[in-house]
Amino acid sequence: MGLLREDGTPKMAAAEFPEGLGICQWFHYEDHRLESAIEWFRRLKVRYVRTGVSWADSFRENANAWFDHQMKALEPFDTTLTLCFTPEHLGIAPHYTSPPKDPNTFAEFAEWAVARYAPAMDSREELESTTQDDVAEPSVIR
């Protein structure tokens, strides 16, 4: 992490980290740093976390268990989830940055991730409190 050394000790920047600020931290598949990072997020009074779930990692053994563990650990924070990393066998080129051969395969992964990890609206009241100004205009990518 940018605020910690490899051995887990804080860098000088950790002492200057503003309370309540957000942090972006990627956790690799079965990342041994997750629990330590959560501990540091609490110490630093982090409120917002941006992290990711790897589409490529979703093909690993026990991937769902890892993703569930990661997302459970992040529940105390307002978390933005990035979906990324194309599995080599599904890319136009065999590289994690490649676009998928079939965009529907990524759409299926995204649908799965949203259904599993995005918080559901608990009441009609929340839905009714959403104004038109809160809803982004859809964009079309061609």
C-alpha atoms as a PDB file:
ATOM      1  CA  MET A   1       0.000   0.000   0.000  1.00  0.00           C
ATOM      2  CA  GLY A   2       1.196   3.532  -0.632  1.00  0.00           C
ATOM      3  CA  LEU A   3       1.122   4.438   3.073  1.00  0.00           C
ATOM      4  CA  LEU A   4       2.891   1.313   4.317  1.00  0.00           C
ATOM      5  CA  ARG A   5       6.188  -0.382   3.641  1.00  0.00           C
ATOM      6  CA  GLU A   6       6.329  -4.003   2.527  1.00  0.00           C
ATOM      7  CA  ASP A   7       6.889  -5.072   6.156  1.00  0.00           C
ATOM      8  CA  GLY A   8       3.690  -3.273   7.239  1.00  0.00           C
ATOM      9  CA  THR A   9       5.323  -0.340   9.019  1.00  0.00           C
ATOM     10  CA  PRO A  10       3.943   3.112   8.205  1.00  0.00           C
ATOM     11  CA  LYS A  11       5.679   5.477   5.824  1.00  0.00           C
ATOM     12  CA  MET A  12       5.947   9.163   6.811  1.00  0.00           C
ATOM     13  CA  ALA A  13       2.871   9.941   4.701  1.00  0.00           C
ATOM     14  CA  ALA A  14       0.652   7.846   7.007  1.00  0.00           C
ATOM     15  CA  ALA A  15       1.016  10.436   9.776  1.00  0.00           C
ATOM     16  CA  GLU A  16      -0.254  13.140   7.393  1.00  0.00           C
ATOM     17  CA  PHE A  17      -3.198  11.206   5.961  1.00  0.00           C
ATOM     18  CA  PRO A  18      -6.318  13.388   6.428  1.00  0.00           C
ATOM     19  CA  GLU A  19      -9.087  11.859   8.551  1.00  0.00           C
ATOM     20  CA  GLY A  20     -12.132  10.743   6.599  1.00  0.00           C
ATOM     21  CA  LEU A  21     -10.366  10.738   3.237  1.00  0.00           C
ATOM     22  CA  GLY A  22     -10.857   7.895   0.808  1.00  0.00           C
ATOM     23  CA  ILE A  23      -8.254   5.423  -0.335  1.00  0.00           C
ATOM     24  CA  CYS A  24      -7.813   3.250  -3.405  1.00  0.00           C
ATOM     25  CA  GLN A  25      -6.349  -0.156  -2.647  1.00  0.00           C
ATOM     26  CA  TRP A  26      -6.328  -3.208  -4.869  1.00  0.00           C
ATOM     27  CA  PHE A  27      -6.202  -6.576  -3.137  1.00  0.00           C
ATOM     28  CA  HIS A  28      -4.783  -9.440  -5.159  1.00  0.00           C
ATOM     29  CA  TYR A  29      -6.356 -12.883  -5.092  1.00  0.00           C
ATOM     30  CA  GLU A  30      -6.028 -14.231  -1.525  1.00  0.00           C
ATOM     31  CA  ASP A  31      -3.976 -11.145  -0.589  1.00  0.00           C
ATOM     32  CA  HIS A  32      -2.365 -11.663   2.815  1.00  0.00           C
ATOM     33  CA  ARG A  33      -2.480  -7.878   3.424  1.00  0.00           C
ATOM     34  CA  LEU A  34      -6.277  -7.592   3.573  1.00  0.00           C
ATOM     35  CA  GLU A  35      -6.736  -7.829   7.347  1.00  0.00           C
ATOM     36  CA  SER A  36      -3.790  -5.529   8.033  1.00  0.00           C
ATOM     37  CA  ALA A  37      -5.130  -3.015   5.521  1.00  0.00           C
ATOM     38  CA  ILE A  38      -8.567  -3.027   7.172  1.00  0.00           C
ATOM     39  CA  GLU A  39      -6.877  -2.399  10.520  1.00  0.00           C
ATOM     40  CA  TRP A  40      -4.987   0.544   9.010  1.00  0.00           C
ATOM     41  CA  PHE A  41      -8.124   1.918   7.327  1.00  0.00           C
ATOM     42  CA  ARG A  42      -9.748   2.030  10.776  1.00  0.00           C
ATOM     43  CA  ARG A  43      -6.692   3.666  12.387  1.00  0.00           C
ATOM     44  CA  LEU A  44      -6.601   6.284   9.633  1.00  0.00           C
ATOM     45  CA  LYS A  45     -10.393   6.800   9.890  1.00  0.00           C
ATOM     46  CA  VAL A  46     -10.842   6.052   6.200  1.00  0.00           C
ATOM     47  CA  ARG A  47     -14.442   6.340   5.126  1.00  0.00           C
ATOM     48  CA  TYR A  48     -14.295   5.578   1.404  1.00  0.00           C
ATOM     49  CA  VAL A  49     -12.496   2.669  -0.291  1.00  0.00           C
ATOM     50  CA  ARG A  50     -12.128   1.939  -3.974  1.00  0.00           C
ATOM     51  CA  THR A  51     -11.041  -1.593  -4.798  1.00  0.00           C
ATOM     52  CA  GLY A  52     -11.609  -4.194  -7.454  1.00  0.00           C
ATOM     53  CA  VAL A  53     -12.829  -7.636  -8.294  1.00  0.00           C
ATOM     54  CA  SER A  54     -10.871  -9.287 -11.059  1.00  0.00           C
ATOM     55  CA  TRP A  55     -12.832 -10.975 -13.810  1.00  0.00           C
ATOM     56  CA  ALA A  56      -9.700 -13.009 -14.566  1.00  0.00           C
ATOM     57  CA  ASP A  57      -9.484 -14.125 -10.924  1.00  0.00           C
ATOM     58  CA  SER A  58     -13.108 -15.268 -11.048  1.00  0.00           C
ATOM     59  CA  PHE A  59     -11.830 -18.361 -12.874  1.00  0.00           C
ATOM     60  CA  ARG A  60      -9.493 -19.339 -10.011  1.00  0.00           C
ATOM     61  CA  GLU A  61     -10.344 -22.099  -7.569  1.00  0.00           C
ATOM     62  CA  ASN A  62     -12.280 -20.696  -4.576  1.00  0.00           C
ATOM     63  CA  ALA A  63     -12.622 -17.280  -6.243  1.00  0.00           C
ATOM     64  CA  ASN A  64     -16.106 -16.671  -4.849  1.00  0.00           C
ATOM     65  CA  ALA A  65     -14.926 -17.446  -1.321  1.00  0.00           C
ATOM     66  CA  TRP A  66     -12.078 -14.941  -1.719  1.00  0.00           C
ATOM     67  CA  PHE A  67     -14.328 -12.236  -3.190  1.00  0.00           C
ATOM     68  CA  ASP A  68     -16.892 -12.797  -0.416  1.00  0.00           C
ATOM     69  CA  HIS A  69     -14.175 -12.560   2.238  1.00  0.00           C
ATOM     70  CA  GLN A  70     -12.775  -9.372   0.721  1.00  0.00           C
ATOM     71  CA  MET A  71     -16.142  -7.683   0.391  1.00  0.00           C
ATOM     72  CA  LYS A  72     -17.224  -8.728   3.907  1.00  0.00           C
ATOM     73  CA  ALA A  73     -14.028  -7.189   5.310  1.00  0.00           C
ATOM     74  CA  LEU A  74     -14.817  -3.945   3.458  1.00  0.00           C
ATOM     75  CA  GLU A  75     -18.427  -3.676   4.697  1.00  0.00           C
ATOM     76  CA  PRO A  76     -17.629  -0.963   7.287  1.00  0.00           C
ATOM     77  CA  PHE A  77     -16.552   1.386   4.486  1.00  0.00           C
ATOM     78  CA  ASP A  78     -18.358   3.096   1.627  1.00  0.00           C
ATOM     79  CA  THR A  79     -16.855   0.961  -1.111  1.00  0.00           C
ATOM     80  CA  THR A  80     -16.675   1.554  -4.839  1.00  0.00           C
ATOM     81  CA  LEU A  81     -16.021  -1.634  -6.731  1.00  0.00           C
ATOM     82  CA  THR A  82     -14.101  -1.706 -10.008  1.00  0.00           C
ATOM     83  CA  LEU A  83     -14.561  -4.696 -12.310  1.00  0.00           C
ATOM     84  CA  CYS A  84     -11.484  -5.335 -14.381  1.00  0.00           C
ATOM     85  CA  PHE A  85      -8.882  -7.706 -15.833  1.00  0.00           C
ATOM     86  CA  THR A  86     -10.010  -9.788 -18.767  1.00  0.00           C
ATOM     87  CA  PRO A  87      -9.283 -13.519 -18.493  1.00  0.00           C
ATOM     88  CA  GLU A  88      -6.659 -14.316 -21.126  1.00  0.00           C
ATOM     89  CA  HIS A  89      -8.804 -17.031 -22.700  1.00  0.00           C
ATOM     90  CA  LEU A  90     -11.701 -14.586 -23.222  1.00  0.00           C
ATOM     91  CA  GLY A  91      -9.713 -11.647 -24.602  1.00  0.00           C
ATOM     92  CA  ILE A  92      -9.179 -10.643 -28.198  1.00  0.00           C
ATOM     93  CA  ALA A  93      -5.498 -10.940 -27.271  1.00  0.00           C
ATOM     94  CA  PRO A  94      -4.252 -13.166 -24.432  1.00  0.00           C
ATOM     95  CA  HIS A  95      -3.686 -10.253 -22.016  1.00  0.00           C
ATOM     96  CA  TYR A  96      -5.562  -8.981 -18.968  1.00  0.00           C
ATOM     97  CA  THR A  97      -5.981  -5.539 -20.560  1.00  0.00           C
ATOM     98  CA  SER A  98      -7.489  -6.922 -23.758  1.00  0.00           C
ATOM     99  CA  PRO A  99     -11.112  -6.238 -24.630  1.00  0.00           C
ATOM    100  CA  PRO A 100     -13.206  -9.396 -24.495  1.00  0.00           C
ATOM    101  CA  LYS A 101     -13.917 -11.316 -27.703  1.00  0.00           C
ATOM    102  CA  ASP A 102     -17.584 -11.225 -26.737  1.00  0.00           C
ATOM    103  CA  PRO A 103     -18.655  -8.224 -24.629  1.00  0.00           C
ATOM    104  CA  ASN A 104     -21.586 -10.267 -23.347  1.00  0.00           C
ATOM    105  CA  THR A 105     -19.181 -12.416 -21.335  1.00  0.00           C
ATOM    106  CA  PHE A 106     -18.031  -9.336 -19.422  1.00  0.00           C
ATOM    107  CA  ALA A 107     -21.632  -8.185 -19.066  1.00  0.00           C
ATOM    108  CA  GLU A 108     -22.458 -11.523 -17.434  1.00  0.00           C
ATOM    109  CA  PHE A 109     -19.585 -11.083 -14.970  1.00  0.00           C
ATOM    110  CA  ALA A 110     -20.688  -7.516 -14.219  1.00  0.00           C
ATOM    111  CA  GLU A 111     -24.269  -8.659 -13.675  1.00  0.00           C
ATOM    112  CA  TRP A 112     -23.042 -11.364 -11.275  1.00  0.00           C
ATOM    113  CA  ALA A 113     -20.845  -8.909  -9.331  1.00  0.00           C
ATOM    114  CA  VAL A 114     -23.593  -6.302  -9.012  1.00  0.00           C
ATOM    115  CA  ALA A 115     -26.165  -8.883  -7.907  1.00  0.00           C
ATOM    116  CA  ARG A 116     -23.741 -10.293  -5.345  1.00  0.00           C
ATOM    117  CA  TYR A 117     -22.070  -7.161  -3.960  1.00  0.00           C
ATOM    118  CA  ALA A 118     -24.098  -4.045  -4.683  1.00  0.00           C
ATOM    119  CA  PRO A 119     -26.360  -3.143  -1.789  1.00  0.00           C
ATOM    120  CA  ALA A 120     -30.019  -3.532  -2.613  1.00  0.00           C
ATOM    121  CA  MET A 121     -32.375  -0.662  -1.883  1.00  0.00           C
ATOM    122  CA  ASP A 122     -34.123  -1.536   1.344  1.00  0.00           C
ATOM    123  CA  SER A 123     -37.278   0.431   0.838  1.00  0.00           C
ATOM    124  CA  ARG A 124     -39.502   2.187  -1.622  1.00  0.00           C
ATOM    125  CA  GLU A 125     -38.765   5.370   0.330  1.00  0.00           C
ATOM    126  CA  GLU A 126     -35.129   5.316  -0.821  1.00  0.00           C
ATOM    127  CA  LEU A 127     -36.240   4.879  -4.415  1.00  0.00           C
ATOM    128  CA  GLU A 128     -38.770   7.685  -4.132  1.00  0.00           C
ATOM    129  CA  SER A 129     -36.151   9.984  -2.576  1.00  0.00           C
ATOM    130  CA  THR A 130     -33.998   9.684  -5.699  1.00  0.00           C
ATOM    131  CA  THR A 131     -34.577  12.736  -7.861  1.00  0.00           C
ATOM    132  CA  GLN A 132     -34.053  13.040 -11.582  1.00  0.00           C
ATOM    133  CA  ASP A 133     -30.922  15.101 -10.803  1.00  0.00           C
ATOM    134  CA  ASP A 134     -29.470  12.047  -9.019  1.00  0.00           C
ATOM    135  CA  VAL A 135     -29.755   9.869 -12.104  1.00  0.00           C
ATOM    136  CA  ALA A 136     -26.973  10.129 -14.668  1.00  0.00           C
ATOM    137  CA  GLU A 137     -27.845  10.372 -18.306  1.00  0.00           C
ATOM    138  CA  PRO A 138     -27.152   7.070 -20.035  1.00  0.00           C
ATOM    139  CA  SER A 139     -24.285   7.146 -22.473  1.00  0.00           C
ATOM    140  CA  VAL A 140     -23.918   5.100 -25.586  1.00  0.00           C
ATOM    141  CA  ILE A 141     -20.502   3.783 -26.530  1.00  0.00           C
ATOM    142  CA  ARG A 142     -20.104   2.798 -30.147  1.00  0.00           C
END
